[in-house]
N, C-alpha and C. Protein backbone atom coordinates (compact mmCIF):
# COMPACT_ATOMS: atom_id res chain seq x y z
N MET A 1 0.82 -1.20 0.00
CA MET A 1 0.00 0.00 0.00
C MET A 1 0.86 1.26 0.00
N VAL A 2 1.93 1.24 0.80
CA VAL A 2 2.81 2.40 0.87
C VAL A 2 3.47 2.65 -0.49
N GLY A 3 3.91 1.57 -1.13
CA GLY A 3 4.53 1.70 -2.46
C GLY A 3 3.57 2.30 -3.47
N PHE A 4 2.31 1.92 -3.40
CA PHE A 4 1.30 2.47 -4.31
C PHE A 4 1.12 3.97 -4.10
N ILE A 5 1.08 4.38 -2.84
CA ILE A 5 0.90 5.80 -2.54
C ILE A 5 2.07 6.61 -3.08
N PHE A 6 3.28 6.10 -2.89
CA PHE A 6 4.44 6.83 -3.39
C PHE A 6 4.54 6.77 -4.91
N ASP A 7 4.05 5.71 -5.53
CA ASP A 7 3.98 5.68 -7.00
C ASP A 7 3.00 6.72 -7.52
N VAL A 8 1.88 6.88 -6.84
CA VAL A 8 0.91 7.91 -7.23
C VAL A 8 1.51 9.30 -7.04
N LEU A 9 2.18 9.54 -5.92
CA LEU A 9 2.82 10.83 -5.70
C LEU A 9 3.90 11.11 -6.73
N ASN A 10 4.68 10.10 -7.07
CA ASN A 10 5.71 10.26 -8.09
C ASN A 10 5.08 10.59 -9.44
N GLY A 11 3.99 9.93 -9.77
CA GLY A 11 3.28 10.22 -11.01
C GLY A 11 2.69 11.62 -11.01
N LEU A 12 2.19 12.06 -9.86
CA LEU A 12 1.65 13.41 -9.75
C LEU A 12 2.74 14.46 -9.97
N PHE A 13 3.89 14.26 -9.34
CA PHE A 13 5.01 15.18 -9.55
C PHE A 13 5.45 15.18 -11.01
N SER A 14 5.48 14.00 -11.64
CA SER A 14 5.86 13.94 -13.05
C SER A 14 4.85 14.68 -13.93
N ALA A 15 3.57 14.55 -13.63
CA ALA A 15 2.54 15.26 -14.40
C ALA A 15 2.67 16.77 -14.22
N ILE A 16 2.95 17.21 -13.00
CA ILE A 16 3.13 18.64 -12.74
C ILE A 16 4.33 19.16 -13.53
N LEU A 17 5.43 18.41 -13.52
CA LEU A 17 6.61 18.83 -14.28
C LEU A 17 6.32 18.88 -15.77
N PHE A 18 5.56 17.92 -16.29
CA PHE A 18 5.20 17.91 -17.71
C PHE A 18 4.40 19.16 -18.07
N VAL A 19 3.42 19.50 -17.24
CA VAL A 19 2.60 20.68 -17.50
C VAL A 19 3.44 21.95 -17.41
N LEU A 20 4.35 22.01 -16.44
CA LEU A 20 5.22 23.18 -16.33
C LEU A 20 6.12 23.33 -17.56
N PHE A 21 6.64 22.21 -18.06
CA PHE A 21 7.45 22.29 -19.28
C PHE A 21 6.62 22.71 -20.48
N ALA A 22 5.40 22.21 -20.58
CA ALA A 22 4.52 22.63 -21.66
C ALA A 22 4.23 24.12 -21.57
N TYR A 23 3.98 24.61 -20.36
CA TYR A 23 3.74 26.04 -20.16
C TYR A 23 4.98 26.85 -20.55
N MET A 24 6.14 26.37 -20.15
CA MET A 24 7.38 27.06 -20.46
C MET A 24 7.58 27.17 -21.97
N ILE A 25 7.42 26.08 -22.68
CA ILE A 25 7.61 26.09 -24.12
C ILE A 25 6.60 27.02 -24.79
N LEU A 26 5.34 26.92 -24.40
CA LEU A 26 4.33 27.79 -25.01
C LEU A 26 4.59 29.26 -24.69
N SER A 27 4.98 29.57 -23.46
CA SER A 27 5.22 30.97 -23.12
C SER A 27 6.40 31.53 -23.89
N TRP A 28 7.43 30.73 -24.11
CA TRP A 28 8.57 31.20 -24.89
C TRP A 28 8.19 31.36 -26.36
N LEU A 29 7.38 30.44 -26.88
CA LEU A 29 6.93 30.56 -28.27
C LEU A 29 6.09 31.82 -28.47
N VAL A 30 5.27 32.14 -27.50
CA VAL A 30 4.47 33.36 -27.57
C VAL A 30 5.37 34.59 -27.44
N PHE A 31 6.32 34.54 -26.51
CA PHE A 31 7.21 35.67 -26.27
C PHE A 31 8.03 36.01 -27.52
N PHE A 32 8.49 34.99 -28.22
CA PHE A 32 9.31 35.20 -29.41
C PHE A 32 8.49 35.25 -30.70
N ASN A 33 7.17 35.43 -30.56
CA ASN A 33 6.25 35.59 -31.69
C ASN A 33 6.26 34.43 -32.67
N VAL A 34 6.49 33.23 -32.18
CA VAL A 34 6.38 32.04 -33.02
C VAL A 34 4.93 31.58 -33.05
N VAL A 35 4.25 31.75 -31.92
CA VAL A 35 2.85 31.36 -31.79
C VAL A 35 2.06 32.63 -31.47
N ASN A 36 0.90 32.74 -32.10
CA ASN A 36 0.05 33.90 -31.90
C ASN A 36 -1.17 33.48 -31.09
N LEU A 37 -1.43 34.18 -30.00
CA LEU A 37 -2.57 33.83 -29.15
C LEU A 37 -3.89 34.33 -29.71
N ARG A 38 -3.88 34.99 -30.86
CA ARG A 38 -5.15 35.34 -31.50
C ARG A 38 -5.78 34.11 -32.17
N ASN A 39 -4.98 33.07 -32.33
CA ASN A 39 -5.52 31.79 -32.80
C ASN A 39 -6.35 31.21 -31.65
N PRO A 40 -7.65 30.95 -31.87
CA PRO A 40 -8.50 30.49 -30.76
C PRO A 40 -8.03 29.19 -30.10
N THR A 41 -7.50 28.27 -30.89
CA THR A 41 -7.03 27.01 -30.31
C THR A 41 -5.83 27.25 -29.40
N MET A 42 -4.89 28.05 -29.85
CA MET A 42 -3.72 28.34 -29.03
C MET A 42 -4.10 29.14 -27.80
N ALA A 43 -5.07 30.02 -27.94
CA ALA A 43 -5.52 30.81 -26.79
C ALA A 43 -6.15 29.90 -25.74
N ARG A 44 -6.93 28.91 -26.18
CA ARG A 44 -7.54 27.96 -25.23
C ARG A 44 -6.48 27.12 -24.53
N ILE A 45 -5.50 26.64 -25.30
CA ILE A 45 -4.42 25.84 -24.72
C ILE A 45 -3.64 26.67 -23.70
N ALA A 46 -3.33 27.92 -24.06
CA ALA A 46 -2.60 28.80 -23.15
C ALA A 46 -3.42 29.06 -21.89
N ASP A 47 -4.72 29.24 -22.04
CA ASP A 47 -5.58 29.49 -20.89
C ASP A 47 -5.61 28.30 -19.95
N VAL A 48 -5.74 27.10 -20.50
CA VAL A 48 -5.76 25.89 -19.66
C VAL A 48 -4.43 25.72 -18.93
N LEU A 49 -3.32 25.89 -19.66
CA LEU A 49 -2.01 25.76 -19.02
C LEU A 49 -1.81 26.82 -17.95
N ASP A 50 -2.29 28.04 -18.22
CA ASP A 50 -2.15 29.10 -17.23
C ASP A 50 -2.98 28.81 -15.98
N ARG A 51 -4.18 28.30 -16.16
CA ARG A 51 -5.03 27.97 -15.01
C ARG A 51 -4.44 26.86 -14.16
N ILE A 52 -3.75 25.91 -14.80
CA ILE A 52 -3.15 24.80 -14.06
C ILE A 52 -1.87 25.25 -13.35
N THR A 53 -1.05 26.04 -14.04
CA THR A 53 0.25 26.39 -13.49
C THR A 53 0.24 27.61 -12.58
N ALA A 54 -0.76 28.46 -12.69
CA ALA A 54 -0.79 29.70 -11.88
C ALA A 54 -0.70 29.43 -10.38
N PRO A 55 -1.45 28.48 -9.82
CA PRO A 55 -1.32 28.25 -8.36
C PRO A 55 0.06 27.73 -7.95
N ILE A 56 0.73 27.05 -8.86
CA ILE A 56 2.06 26.53 -8.56
C ILE A 56 3.10 27.64 -8.67
N LEU A 57 2.96 28.47 -9.69
CA LEU A 57 3.99 29.48 -9.98
C LEU A 57 3.81 30.78 -9.21
N GLU A 58 2.62 31.07 -8.75
CA GLU A 58 2.36 32.36 -8.10
C GLU A 58 3.27 32.64 -6.91
N PRO A 59 3.52 31.69 -6.02
CA PRO A 59 4.45 31.98 -4.91
C PRO A 59 5.86 32.33 -5.41
N PHE A 60 6.30 31.71 -6.49
CA PHE A 60 7.62 32.01 -7.03
C PHE A 60 7.65 33.36 -7.72
N ARG A 61 6.56 33.74 -8.37
CA ARG A 61 6.49 35.01 -9.08
C ARG A 61 6.56 36.20 -8.13
N ARG A 62 6.17 36.00 -6.89
CA ARG A 62 6.25 37.10 -5.91
C ARG A 62 7.70 37.49 -5.63
N PHE A 63 8.62 36.52 -5.73
CA PHE A 63 10.01 36.77 -5.35
C PHE A 63 10.96 36.85 -6.54
N ILE A 64 10.58 36.30 -7.68
CA ILE A 64 11.46 36.25 -8.83
C ILE A 64 10.93 37.18 -9.91
N PRO A 65 11.65 38.26 -10.18
CA PRO A 65 11.16 39.18 -11.22
C PRO A 65 11.37 38.58 -12.61
N SER A 66 10.57 39.04 -13.56
CA SER A 66 10.76 38.60 -14.94
C SER A 66 12.01 39.27 -15.49
N VAL A 67 12.69 38.57 -16.37
CA VAL A 67 13.93 39.07 -16.95
C VAL A 67 13.63 39.51 -18.37
N GLY A 68 13.64 40.79 -18.60
CA GLY A 68 13.35 41.32 -19.94
C GLY A 68 11.96 40.96 -20.42
N GLY A 69 11.01 40.86 -19.50
CA GLY A 69 9.64 40.49 -19.87
C GLY A 69 9.42 38.99 -19.96
N LEU A 70 10.45 38.21 -19.73
CA LEU A 70 10.36 36.75 -19.81
C LEU A 70 10.23 36.18 -18.40
N ASP A 71 9.17 35.43 -18.15
CA ASP A 71 8.91 34.84 -16.84
C ASP A 71 9.80 33.62 -16.64
N ILE A 72 10.65 33.67 -15.63
CA ILE A 72 11.55 32.54 -15.37
C ILE A 72 11.22 31.84 -14.05
N SER A 73 10.10 32.18 -13.45
CA SER A 73 9.74 31.59 -12.16
C SER A 73 9.56 30.07 -12.27
N PHE A 74 9.14 29.61 -13.45
CA PHE A 74 8.93 28.16 -13.60
C PHE A 74 10.24 27.39 -13.52
N LEU A 75 11.37 28.03 -13.85
CA LEU A 75 12.65 27.32 -13.74
C LEU A 75 12.93 26.94 -12.29
N ILE A 76 12.69 27.87 -11.38
CA ILE A 76 12.89 27.59 -9.96
C ILE A 76 11.87 26.56 -9.49
N ALA A 77 10.63 26.69 -9.95
CA ALA A 77 9.59 25.72 -9.57
C ALA A 77 9.96 24.32 -10.05
N VAL A 78 10.45 24.21 -11.27
CA VAL A 78 10.84 22.90 -11.81
C VAL A 78 12.00 22.32 -11.00
N LEU A 79 12.97 23.14 -10.66
CA LEU A 79 14.10 22.66 -9.86
C LEU A 79 13.65 22.17 -8.49
N ILE A 80 12.77 22.91 -7.85
CA ILE A 80 12.31 22.52 -6.50
C ILE A 80 11.44 21.27 -6.57
N ILE A 81 10.51 21.23 -7.50
CA ILE A 81 9.64 20.05 -7.62
C ILE A 81 10.45 18.83 -8.01
N GLY A 82 11.41 19.00 -8.93
CA GLY A 82 12.27 17.89 -9.31
C GLY A 82 13.11 17.38 -8.15
N ALA A 83 13.61 18.31 -7.33
CA ALA A 83 14.40 17.90 -6.16
C ALA A 83 13.54 17.15 -5.16
N ILE A 84 12.32 17.62 -4.96
CA ILE A 84 11.41 16.91 -4.07
C ILE A 84 11.15 15.50 -4.59
N GLN A 85 10.91 15.40 -5.89
CA GLN A 85 10.59 14.10 -6.48
C GLN A 85 11.79 13.15 -6.42
N ARG A 86 12.98 13.65 -6.72
CA ARG A 86 14.14 12.77 -6.78
C ARG A 86 14.81 12.53 -5.44
N GLN A 87 14.75 13.51 -4.54
CA GLN A 87 15.49 13.40 -3.29
C GLN A 87 14.61 13.10 -2.08
N LEU A 88 13.58 13.90 -1.87
CA LEU A 88 12.79 13.77 -0.64
C LEU A 88 11.78 12.63 -0.68
N LEU A 89 11.17 12.40 -1.83
CA LEU A 89 10.17 11.33 -1.92
C LEU A 89 10.75 9.95 -1.62
N PRO A 90 11.91 9.57 -2.19
CA PRO A 90 12.49 8.27 -1.82
C PRO A 90 12.88 8.16 -0.35
N ILE A 91 13.37 9.25 0.22
CA ILE A 91 13.72 9.24 1.64
C ILE A 91 12.48 9.03 2.49
N ALA A 92 11.40 9.75 2.16
CA ALA A 92 10.15 9.59 2.90
C ALA A 92 9.61 8.17 2.77
N GLU A 93 9.73 7.59 1.58
CA GLU A 93 9.25 6.22 1.37
C GLU A 93 10.04 5.23 2.21
N ARG A 94 11.36 5.35 2.19
CA ARG A 94 12.20 4.43 3.01
C ARG A 94 11.88 4.59 4.50
N ASN A 95 11.73 5.81 4.95
CA ASN A 95 11.45 6.03 6.36
C ASN A 95 10.08 5.50 6.77
N LEU A 96 9.10 5.63 5.89
CA LEU A 96 7.77 5.10 6.20
C LEU A 96 7.79 3.58 6.23
N TYR A 97 8.53 2.96 5.28
CA TYR A 97 8.66 1.52 5.31
C TYR A 97 9.33 1.07 6.60
N ALA A 98 10.36 1.78 7.05
CA ALA A 98 11.05 1.42 8.30
C ALA A 98 10.14 1.62 9.49
N LEU A 99 9.28 2.63 9.43
CA LEU A 99 8.38 2.92 10.54
C LEU A 99 7.31 1.85 10.70
N ILE A 100 6.72 1.42 9.59
CA ILE A 100 5.65 0.43 9.70
C ILE A 100 6.15 -1.00 9.64
N GLY A 101 7.43 -1.19 9.28
CA GLY A 101 8.04 -2.50 9.33
C GLY A 101 7.68 -3.42 8.18
N SER A 102 7.32 -2.90 7.05
CA SER A 102 7.00 -3.76 5.90
C SER A 102 8.18 -3.84 4.97
């Protein structure tokens, strides 16, 4: 059961990282005028990605200013979430297994 919970958490972190990377790529494409948000499909995609990533990125945006109009807060978010996924999650799993004795 513990392994399943940590597999779900690992999958959740991976999904969050995937969405953050998608947001990053789309925001850079818009910034460099490769993609135009006047296209309704792209505008909808950007809106969905913004609604998903805004709660994650907002705490970082308070402290990290944009560089030349380019939002880099997601880089710090990706680093922190990746570190949690790769470093803290396995440690928590091992400690929980040791605690319950399975």
